[in-house]
């Protein structure tokens, strides 16, 4: 199968092959297509759950149950610190 890329995408692929672990453009494209395929399979398999999660979040927002931005930042910093502590030296 022959695939034609626009010049902008072709340059991105060439740069990634030149600096990355890929030996050939075919190897790079194979990896890219495999990753996209896996992502699409995951999304298809979890479509209903994702839709329900979005609906639940929207309902929470409508009820005023949102967490403020500063609280989110604090929570994320704490989770990051915990993750780093658990993976120290790994």
PDB file of N, CA and C in Angstrom:
ATOM      1  N   UNK A   1       0.847  -1.169   0.000  1.00  0.00           N
ATOM      2  CA  UNK A   1       0.000   0.000   0.000  1.00  0.00           C
ATOM      3  C   UNK A   1       0.895   1.234   0.000  1.00  0.00           C
ATOM      4  N   UNK A   2       0.638   2.113  -0.906  1.00  0.00           N
ATOM      5  CA  UNK A   2       1.386   3.369  -0.961  1.00  0.00           C
ATOM      6  C   UNK A   2       0.548   4.459  -0.291  1.00  0.00           C
ATOM      7  N   UNK A   3       1.205   5.232   0.558  1.00  0.00           N
ATOM      8  CA  UNK A   3       0.515   6.306   1.262  1.00  0.00           C
ATOM      9  C   UNK A   3       1.231   7.611   0.947  1.00  0.00           C
ATOM     10  N   UNK A   4       0.470   8.610   0.576  1.00  0.00           N
ATOM     11  CA  UNK A   4       1.020   9.924   0.266  1.00  0.00           C
ATOM     12  C   UNK A   4       0.770  10.869   1.440  1.00  0.00           C
ATOM     13  N   UNK A   5       1.820  11.429   1.999  1.00  0.00           N
ATOM     14  CA  UNK A   5       1.696  12.396   3.093  1.00  0.00           C
ATOM     15  C   UNK A   5       1.913  13.798   2.553  1.00  0.00           C
ATOM     16  N   UNK A   6       1.235  14.753   3.177  1.00  0.00           N
ATOM     17  CA  UNK A   6       1.524  16.126   2.768  1.00  0.00           C
ATOM     18  C   UNK A   6       2.931  16.470   3.261  1.00  0.00           C
ATOM     19  N   UNK A   7       3.570  17.466   2.670  1.00  0.00           N
ATOM     20  CA  UNK A   7       4.960  17.774   3.005  1.00  0.00           C
ATOM     21  C   UNK A   7       5.202  18.044   4.488  1.00  0.00           C
ATOM     22  N   UNK A   8       4.254  18.666   5.155  1.00  0.00           N
ATOM     23  CA  UNK A   8       4.411  18.966   6.574  1.00  0.00           C
ATOM     24  C   UNK A   8       4.493  17.679   7.396  1.00  0.00           C
ATOM     25  N   UNK A   9       3.580  16.730   7.137  1.00  0.00           N
ATOM     26  CA  UNK A   9       3.608  15.454   7.861  1.00  0.00           C
ATOM     27  C   UNK A   9       4.837  14.636   7.495  1.00  0.00           C
ATOM     28  N   UNK A  10       5.203  14.661   6.241  1.00  0.00           N
ATOM     29  CA  UNK A  10       6.383  13.916   5.812  1.00  0.00           C
ATOM     30  C   UNK A  10       7.630  14.408   6.548  1.00  0.00           C
ATOM     31  N   UNK A  11       7.759  15.712   6.711  1.00  0.00           N
ATOM     32  CA  UNK A  11       8.902  16.268   7.436  1.00  0.00           C
ATOM     33  C   UNK A  11       8.882  15.845   8.899  1.00  0.00           C
ATOM     34  N   UNK A  12       7.693  15.833   9.535  1.00  0.00           N
ATOM     35  CA  UNK A  12       7.594  15.369  10.925  1.00  0.00           C
ATOM     36  C   UNK A  12       8.056  13.922  11.047  1.00  0.00           C
ATOM     37  N   UNK A  13       7.612  13.078  10.132  1.00  0.00           N
ATOM     38  CA  UNK A  13       7.993  11.662  10.166  1.00  0.00           C
ATOM     39  C   UNK A  13       9.502  11.529  10.004  1.00  0.00           C
ATOM     40  N   UNK A  14      10.061  12.241   9.044  1.00  0.00           N
ATOM     41  CA  UNK A  14      11.513  12.157   8.813  1.00  0.00           C
ATOM     42  C   UNK A  14      12.302  12.608  10.053  1.00  0.00           C
ATOM     43  N   UNK A  15      11.847  13.676  10.707  1.00  0.00           N
ATOM     44  CA  UNK A  15      12.525  14.151  11.921  1.00  0.00           C
ATOM     45  C   UNK A  15      12.443  13.111  13.027  1.00  0.00           C
ATOM     46  N   UNK A  16      11.260  12.504  13.202  1.00  0.00           N
ATOM     47  CA  UNK A  16      11.104  11.491  14.254  1.00  0.00           C
ATOM     48  C   UNK A  16      11.955  10.264  13.978  1.00  0.00           C
ATOM     49  N   UNK A  17      12.051   9.861  12.740  1.00  0.00           N
ATOM     50  CA  UNK A  17      12.886   8.709  12.395  1.00  0.00           C
ATOM     51  C   UNK A  17      14.351   9.047  12.642  1.00  0.00           C
ATOM     52  N   UNK A  18      14.760  10.256  12.288  1.00  0.00           N
ATOM     53  CA  UNK A  18      16.162  10.655  12.440  1.00  0.00           C
ATOM     54  C   UNK A  18      16.592  10.709  13.904  1.00  0.00           C
ATOM     55  N   UNK A  19      15.707  11.117  14.807  1.00  0.00           N
ATOM     56  CA  UNK A  19      16.110  11.274  16.206  1.00  0.00           C
ATOM     57  C   UNK A  19      15.642  10.132  17.103  1.00  0.00           C
ATOM     58  N   UNK A  20      14.729   9.317  16.633  1.00  0.00           N
ATOM     59  CA  UNK A  20      14.124   8.308  17.491  1.00  0.00           C
ATOM     60  C   UNK A  20      14.715   6.930  17.321  1.00  0.00           C
ATOM     61  N   UNK A  21      14.079   5.975  17.955  1.00  0.00           N
ATOM     62  CA  UNK A  21      14.566   4.598  17.903  1.00  0.00           C
ATOM     63  C   UNK A  21      14.165   3.853  16.622  1.00  0.00           C
ATOM     64  N   UNK A  22      13.539   4.539  15.697  1.00  0.00           N
ATOM     65  CA  UNK A  22      13.051   3.893  14.481  1.00  0.00           C
ATOM     66  C   UNK A  22      14.153   3.864  13.430  1.00  0.00           C
ATOM     67  N   UNK A  23      14.336   2.689  12.832  1.00  0.00           N
ATOM     68  CA  UNK A  23      15.377   2.545  11.812  1.00  0.00           C
ATOM     69  C   UNK A  23      14.908   2.977  10.435  1.00  0.00           C
ATOM     70  N   UNK A  24      13.587   2.862  10.208  1.00  0.00           N
ATOM     71  CA  UNK A  24      13.051   3.207   8.892  1.00  0.00           C
ATOM     72  C   UNK A  24      11.730   3.950   9.050  1.00  0.00           C
ATOM     73  N   UNK A  25      11.320   4.593   7.985  1.00  0.00           N
ATOM     74  CA  UNK A  25      10.016   5.256   7.976  1.00  0.00           C
ATOM     75  C   UNK A  25       8.917   4.215   8.140  1.00  0.00           C
ATOM     76  N   UNK A  26       9.060   3.060   7.498  1.00  0.00           N
ATOM     77  CA  UNK A  26       8.050   2.005   7.634  1.00  0.00           C
ATOM     78  C   UNK A  26       7.885   1.581   9.088  1.00  0.00           C
ATOM     79  N   UNK A  27       8.998   1.455   9.807  1.00  0.00           N
ATOM     80  CA  UNK A  27       8.944   1.071  11.218  1.00  0.00           C
ATOM     81  C   UNK A  27       8.198   2.130  12.034  1.00  0.00           C
ATOM     82  N   UNK A  28       8.472   3.403  11.752  1.00  0.00           N
ATOM     83  CA  UNK A  28       7.788   4.489  12.441  1.00  0.00           C
ATOM     84  C   UNK A  28       6.295   4.454  12.156  1.00  0.00           C
ATOM     85  N   UNK A  29       5.925   4.322  10.897  1.00  0.00           N
ATOM     86  CA  UNK A  29       4.510   4.319  10.521  1.00  0.00           C
ATOM     87  C   UNK A  29       3.807   3.109  11.127  1.00  0.00           C
ATOM     88  N   UNK A  30       4.467   1.959  11.145  1.00  0.00           N
ATOM     89  CA  UNK A  30       3.879   0.774  11.760  1.00  0.00           C
ATOM     90  C   UNK A  30       3.559   1.033  13.232  1.00  0.00           C
ATOM     91  N   UNK A  31       4.498   1.634  13.948  1.00  0.00           N
ATOM     92  CA  UNK A  31       4.277   1.943  15.361  1.00  0.00           C
ATOM     93  C   UNK A  31       3.139   2.947  15.528  1.00  0.00           C
ATOM     94  N   UNK A  32       3.127   3.979  14.695  1.00  0.00           N
ATOM     95  CA  UNK A  32       2.090   5.009  14.791  1.00  0.00           C
ATOM     96  C   UNK A  32       0.705   4.429  14.526  1.00  0.00           C
ATOM     97  N   UNK A  33       0.585   3.610  13.498  1.00  0.00           N
ATOM     98  CA  UNK A  33      -0.713   3.018  13.162  1.00  0.00           C
ATOM     99  C   UNK A  33      -1.145   2.041  14.247  1.00  0.00           C
ATOM    100  N   UNK A  34      -0.216   1.270  14.786  1.00  0.00           N
ATOM    101  CA  UNK A  34      -0.542   0.334  15.864  1.00  0.00           C
ATOM    102  C   UNK A  34      -1.063   1.078  17.082  1.00  0.00           C
ATOM    103  N   UNK A  35      -0.397   2.165  17.461  1.00  0.00           N
ATOM    104  CA  UNK A  35      -0.831   2.938  18.623  1.00  0.00           C
ATOM    105  C   UNK A  35      -2.210   3.551  18.385  1.00  0.00           C
ATOM    106  N   UNK A  36      -2.443   4.090  17.202  1.00  0.00           N
ATOM    107  CA  UNK A  36      -3.738   4.679  16.892  1.00  0.00           C
ATOM    108  C   UNK A  36      -4.826   3.613  16.898  1.00  0.00           C
ATOM    109  N   UNK A  37      -4.522   2.458  16.359  1.00  0.00           N
ATOM    110  CA  UNK A  37      -5.485   1.355  16.340  1.00  0.00           C
ATOM    111  C   UNK A  37      -5.856   0.937  17.769  1.00  0.00           C
ATOM    112  N   UNK A  38      -4.859   0.797  18.627  1.00  0.00           N
ATOM    113  CA  UNK A  38      -5.120   0.425  20.023  1.00  0.00           C
ATOM    114  C   UNK A  38      -5.971   1.478  20.718  1.00  0.00           C
ATOM    115  N   UNK A  39      -5.696   2.745  20.448  1.00  0.00           N
ATOM    116  CA  UNK A  39      -6.483   3.826  21.040  1.00  0.00           C
ATOM    117  C   UNK A  39      -7.929   3.760  20.557  1.00  0.00           C
ATOM    118  N   UNK A  40      -8.124   3.554  19.272  1.00  0.00           N
ATOM    119  CA  UNK A  40      -9.474   3.476  18.720  1.00  0.00           C
ATOM    120  C   UNK A  40     -10.233   2.275  19.287  1.00  0.00           C
ATOM    121  N   UNK A  41      -9.546   1.141  19.445  1.00  0.00           N
ATOM    122  CA  UNK A  41     -10.186  -0.039  20.037  1.00  0.00           C
ATOM    123  C   UNK A  41     -10.604   0.244  21.472  1.00  0.00           C
ATOM    124  N   UNK A  42      -9.733   0.892  22.235  1.00  0.00           N
ATOM    125  CA  UNK A  42     -10.048   1.226  23.623  1.00  0.00           C
ATOM    126  C   UNK A  42     -11.258   2.147  23.685  1.00  0.00           C
ATOM    127  N   UNK A  43     -11.255   3.192  22.869  1.00  0.00           N
ATOM    128  CA  UNK A  43     -12.368   4.137  22.869  1.00  0.00           C
ATOM    129  C   UNK A  43     -13.680   3.457  22.488  1.00  0.00           C
ATOM    130  N   UNK A  44     -13.631   2.583  21.504  1.00  0.00           N
ATOM    131  CA  UNK A  44     -14.840   1.873  21.084  1.00  0.00           C
ATOM    132  C   UNK A  44     -15.346   0.959  22.196  1.00  0.00           C
ATOM    133  N   UNK A  45     -14.429   0.299  22.885  1.00  0.00           N
ATOM    134  CA  UNK A  45     -14.809  -0.632  23.948  1.00  0.00           C
ATOM    135  C   UNK A  45     -15.348   0.088  25.176  1.00  0.00           C
ATOM    136  N   UNK A  46     -14.950   1.343  25.372  1.00  0.00           N
ATOM    137  CA  UNK A  46     -15.338   2.088  26.568  1.00  0.00           C
ATOM    138  C   UNK A  46     -16.261   3.267  26.269  1.00  0.00           C
ATOM    139  N   UNK A  47     -16.830   3.278  25.081  1.00  0.00           N
ATOM    140  CA  UNK A  47     -17.657   4.408  24.662  1.00  0.00           C
ATOM    141  C   UNK A  47     -18.819   4.657  25.619  1.00  0.00           C
ATOM    142  N   UNK A  48     -19.544   3.614  25.985  1.00  0.00           N
ATOM    143  CA  UNK A  48     -20.703   3.783  26.868  1.00  0.00           C
ATOM    144  C   UNK A  48     -20.286   4.299  28.244  1.00  0.00           C
ATOM    145  N   UNK A  49     -19.226   3.738  28.798  1.00  0.00           N
ATOM    146  CA  UNK A  49     -18.743   4.179  30.108  1.00  0.00           C
ATOM    147  C   UNK A  49     -18.291   5.632  30.047  1.00  0.00           C
ATOM    148  N   UNK A  50     -17.595   5.997  29.003  1.00  0.00           N
ATOM    149  CA  UNK A  50     -17.135   7.376  28.853  1.00  0.00           C
ATOM    150  C   UNK A  50     -18.325   8.330  28.766  1.00  0.00           C
ATOM    151  N   UNK A  51     -19.331   7.957  27.982  1.00  0.00           N
ATOM    152  CA  UNK A  51     -20.529   8.793  27.855  1.00  0.00           C
ATOM    153  C   UNK A  51     -21.215   8.970  29.209  1.00  0.00           C
ATOM    154  N   UNK A  52     -21.338   7.882  29.970  1.00  0.00           N
ATOM    155  CA  UNK A  52     -21.950   7.961  31.290  1.00  0.00           C
ATOM    156  C   UNK A  52     -21.132   8.836  32.245  1.00  0.00           C
ATOM    157  N   UNK A  53     -19.808   8.713  32.189  1.00  0.00           N
ATOM    158  CA  UNK A  53     -18.943   9.540  33.043  1.00  0.00           C
ATOM    159  C   UNK A  53     -19.114  11.025  32.713  1.00  0.00           C
ATOM    160  N   UNK A  54     -19.215  11.341  31.435  1.00  0.00           N
ATOM    161  CA  UNK A  54     -19.413  12.736  31.029  1.00  0.00           C
ATOM    162  C   UNK A  54     -20.766  13.239  31.507  1.00  0.00           C
ATOM    163  N   UNK A  55     -21.803  12.425  31.329  1.00  0.00           N
ATOM    164  CA  UNK A  55     -23.132  12.823  31.783  1.00  0.00           C
ATOM    165  C   UNK A  55     -23.158  13.047  33.296  1.00  0.00           C
ATOM    166  N   UNK A  56     -22.480  12.173  34.034  1.00  0.00           N
ATOM    167  CA  UNK A  56     -22.419  12.307  35.485  1.00  0.00           C
ATOM    168  C   UNK A  56     -21.694  13.590  35.878  1.00  0.00           C
ATOM    169  N   UNK A  57     -20.579  13.873  35.210  1.00  0.00           N
ATOM    170  CA  UNK A  57     -19.834  15.092  35.495  1.00  0.00           C
ATOM    171  C   UNK A  57     -20.646  16.339  35.169  1.00  0.00           C
ATOM    172  N   UNK A  58     -21.369  16.299  34.066  1.00  0.00           N
ATOM    173  CA  UNK A  58     -22.217  17.432  33.687  1.00  0.00           C
ATOM    174  C   UNK A  58     -23.304  17.658  34.734  1.00  0.00           C
ATOM    175  N   UNK A  59     -23.914  16.575  35.201  1.00  0.00           N
ATOM    176  CA  UNK A  59     -24.966  16.690  36.223  1.00  0.00           C
ATOM    177  C   UNK A  59     -24.387  17.265  37.514  1.00  0.00           C
ATOM    178  N   UNK A  60     -23.184  16.835  37.890  1.00  0.00           N
ATOM    179  CA  UNK A  60     -22.538  17.379  39.079  1.00  0.00           C
ATOM    180  C   UNK A  60     -22.275  18.879  38.909  1.00  0.00           C
ATOM    181  N   UNK A  61     -21.840  19.279  37.736  1.00  0.00           N
ATOM    182  CA  UNK A  61     -21.592  20.699  37.480  1.00  0.00           C
ATOM    183  C   UNK A  61     -22.880  21.502  37.580  1.00  0.00           C
ATOM    184  N   UNK A  62     -23.942  20.956  37.030  1.00  0.00           N
ATOM    185  CA  UNK A  62     -25.227  21.655  37.097  1.00  0.00           C
ATOM    186  C   UNK A  62     -25.721  21.798  38.534  1.00  0.00           C
ATOM    187  N   UNK A  63     -25.353  20.844  39.390  1.00  0.00           N
ATOM    188  CA  UNK A  63     -25.752  20.916  40.799  1.00  0.00           C
ATOM    189  C   UNK A  63     -24.793  21.773  41.617  1.00  0.00           C
ATOM    190  N   UNK A  64     -23.755  22.297  40.983  1.00  0.00           N
ATOM    191  CA  UNK A  64     -22.789  23.137  41.684  1.00  0.00           C
ATOM    192  C   UNK A  64     -21.779  22.355  42.493  1.00  0.00           C
ATOM    193  N   UNK A  65     -21.523  21.116  42.118  1.00  0.00           N
ATOM    194  CA  UNK A  65     -20.614  20.251  42.874  1.00  0.00           C
ATOM    195  C   UNK A  65     -19.191  20.254  42.298  1.00  0.00           C
ATOM    196  N   UNK A  66     -18.782  21.354  41.709  1.00  0.00           N
ATOM    197  CA  UNK A  66     -17.452  21.425  41.118  1.00  0.00           C
ATOM    198  C   UNK A  66     -16.397  21.719  42.178  1.00  0.00           C
ATOM    199  N   UNK A  67     -15.181  21.290  41.901  1.00  0.00           N
ATOM    200  CA  UNK A  67     -14.045  21.570  42.769  1.00  0.00           C
ATOM    201  C   UNK A  67     -13.328  22.784  42.183  1.00  0.00           C
ATOM    202  N   UNK A  68     -12.942  23.717  43.030  1.00  0.00           N
ATOM    203  CA  UNK A  68     -12.250  24.915  42.575  1.00  0.00           C
ATOM    204  C   UNK A  68     -10.877  24.612  42.010  1.00  0.00           C
ATOM    205  N   UNK A  69     -10.394  25.491  41.158  1.00  0.00           N
ATOM    206  CA  UNK A  69      -9.108  25.306  40.497  1.00  0.00           C
ATOM    207  C   UNK A  69      -7.939  25.158  41.457  1.00  0.00           C
ATOM    208  N   UNK A  70      -7.927  25.962  42.512  1.00  0.00           N
ATOM    209  CA  UNK A  70      -6.825  25.880  43.475  1.00  0.00           C
ATOM    210  C   UNK A  70      -6.829  24.542  44.203  1.00  0.00           C
ATOM    211  N   UNK A  71      -8.007  24.039  44.519  1.00  0.00           N
ATOM    212  CA  UNK A  71      -8.100  22.735  45.180  1.00  0.00           C
ATOM    213  C   UNK A  71      -7.609  21.627  44.244  1.00  0.00           C
ATOM    214  N   UNK A  72      -7.972  21.734  42.986  1.00  0.00           N
ATOM    215  CA  UNK A  72      -7.507  20.742  42.002  1.00  0.00           C
ATOM    216  C   UNK A  72      -5.983  20.759  41.929  1.00  0.00           C
ATOM    217  N   UNK A  73      -5.391  21.947  41.884  1.00  0.00           N
ATOM    218  CA  UNK A  73      -3.928  22.050  41.839  1.00  0.00           C
ATOM    219  C   UNK A  73      -3.291  21.410  43.058  1.00  0.00           C
ATOM    220  N   UNK A  74      -3.859  21.656  44.246  1.00  0.00           N
ATOM    221  CA  UNK A  74      -3.320  21.048  45.472  1.00  0.00           C
ATOM    222  C   UNK A  74      -3.441  19.530  45.427  1.00  0.00           C
ATOM    223  N   UNK A  75      -4.607  19.048  44.994  1.00  0.00           N
ATOM    224  CA  UNK A  75      -4.828  17.598  44.911  1.00  0.00           C
ATOM    225  C   UNK A  75      -3.855  16.952  43.928  1.00  0.00           C
ATOM    226  N   UNK A  76      -3.651  17.594  42.773  1.00  0.00           N
ATOM    227  CA  UNK A  76      -2.746  17.045  41.764  1.00  0.00           C
ATOM    228  C   UNK A  76      -1.298  17.045  42.267  1.00  0.00           C
ATOM    229  N   UNK A  77      -0.902  18.107  42.960  1.00  0.00           N
ATOM    230  CA  UNK A  77       0.459  18.165  43.516  1.00  0.00           C
ATOM    231  C   UNK A  77       0.663  17.051  44.539  1.00  0.00           C
ATOM    232  N   UNK A  78      -0.349  16.794  45.358  1.00  0.00           N
ATOM    233  CA  UNK A  78      -0.260  15.727  46.347  1.00  0.00           C
ATOM    234  C   UNK A  78      -0.162  14.360  45.660  1.00  0.00           C
ATOM    235  N   UNK A  79      -0.994  14.134  44.656  1.00  0.00           N
ATOM    236  CA  UNK A  79      -0.941  12.860  43.928  1.00  0.00           C
ATOM    237  C   UNK A  79       0.409  12.668  43.256  1.00  0.00           C
ATOM    238  N   UNK A  80       0.955  13.740  42.685  1.00  0.00           N
ATOM    239  CA  UNK A  80       2.267  13.662  42.043  1.00  0.00           C
ATOM    240  C   UNK A  80       3.345  13.313  43.062  1.00  0.00           C
ATOM    241  N   UNK A  81       3.315  13.978  44.210  1.00  0.00           N
ATOM    242  CA  UNK A  81       4.308  13.706  45.255  1.00  0.00           C
ATOM    243  C   UNK A  81       4.215  12.258  45.728  1.00  0.00           C
ATOM    244  N   UNK A  82       3.004  11.765  45.886  1.00  0.00           N
ATOM    245  CA  UNK A  82       2.821  10.370  46.308  1.00  0.00           C
ATOM    246  C   UNK A  82       3.347   9.414  45.246  1.00  0.00           C
ATOM    247  N   UNK A  83       3.048   9.694  43.989  1.00  0.00           N
ATOM    248  CA  UNK A  83       3.503   8.823  42.903  1.00  0.00           C
ATOM    249  C   UNK A  83       5.031   8.811  42.858  1.00  0.00           C
ATOM    250  N   UNK A  84       5.638   9.990  42.949  1.00  0.00           N
ATOM    251  CA  UNK A  84       7.096  10.065  42.918  1.00  0.00           C
ATOM    252  C   UNK A  84       7.723   9.315  44.086  1.00  0.00           C
ATOM    253  N   UNK A  85       7.121   9.422  45.273  1.00  0.00           N
ATOM    254  CA  UNK A  85       7.642   8.712  46.438  1.00  0.00           C
ATOM    255  C   UNK A  85       7.555   7.202  46.239  1.00  0.00           C
ATOM    256  N   UNK A  86       6.464   6.742  45.640  1.00  0.00           N
ATOM    257  CA  UNK A  86       6.282   5.302  45.407  1.00  0.00           C
ATOM    258  C   UNK A  86       7.215   4.780  44.318  1.00  0.00           C
ATOM    259  N   UNK A  87       7.618   5.627  43.386  1.00  0.00           N
ATOM    260  CA  UNK A  87       8.428   5.179  42.250  1.00  0.00           C
ATOM    261  C   UNK A  87       9.868   5.662  42.335  1.00  0.00           C
ATOM    262  N   UNK A  88      10.273   6.126  43.494  1.00  0.00           N
ATOM    263  CA  UNK A  88      11.629   6.614  43.674  1.00  0.00           C
ATOM    264  C   UNK A  88      12.610   5.474  43.465  1.00  0.00           C
ATOM    265  N   UNK A  89      13.596   5.726  42.615  1.00  0.00           N
ATOM    266  CA  UNK A  89      14.619   4.716  42.357  1.00  0.00           C
ATOM    267  C   UNK A  89      14.211   3.619  41.398  1.00  0.00           C
ATOM    268  N   UNK A  90      13.056   3.756  40.790  1.00  0.00           N
ATOM    269  CA  UNK A  90      12.612   2.713  39.848  1.00  0.00           C
ATOM    270  C   UNK A  90      13.199   2.950  38.497  1.00  0.00           C
TER     271      UNK A  90
END
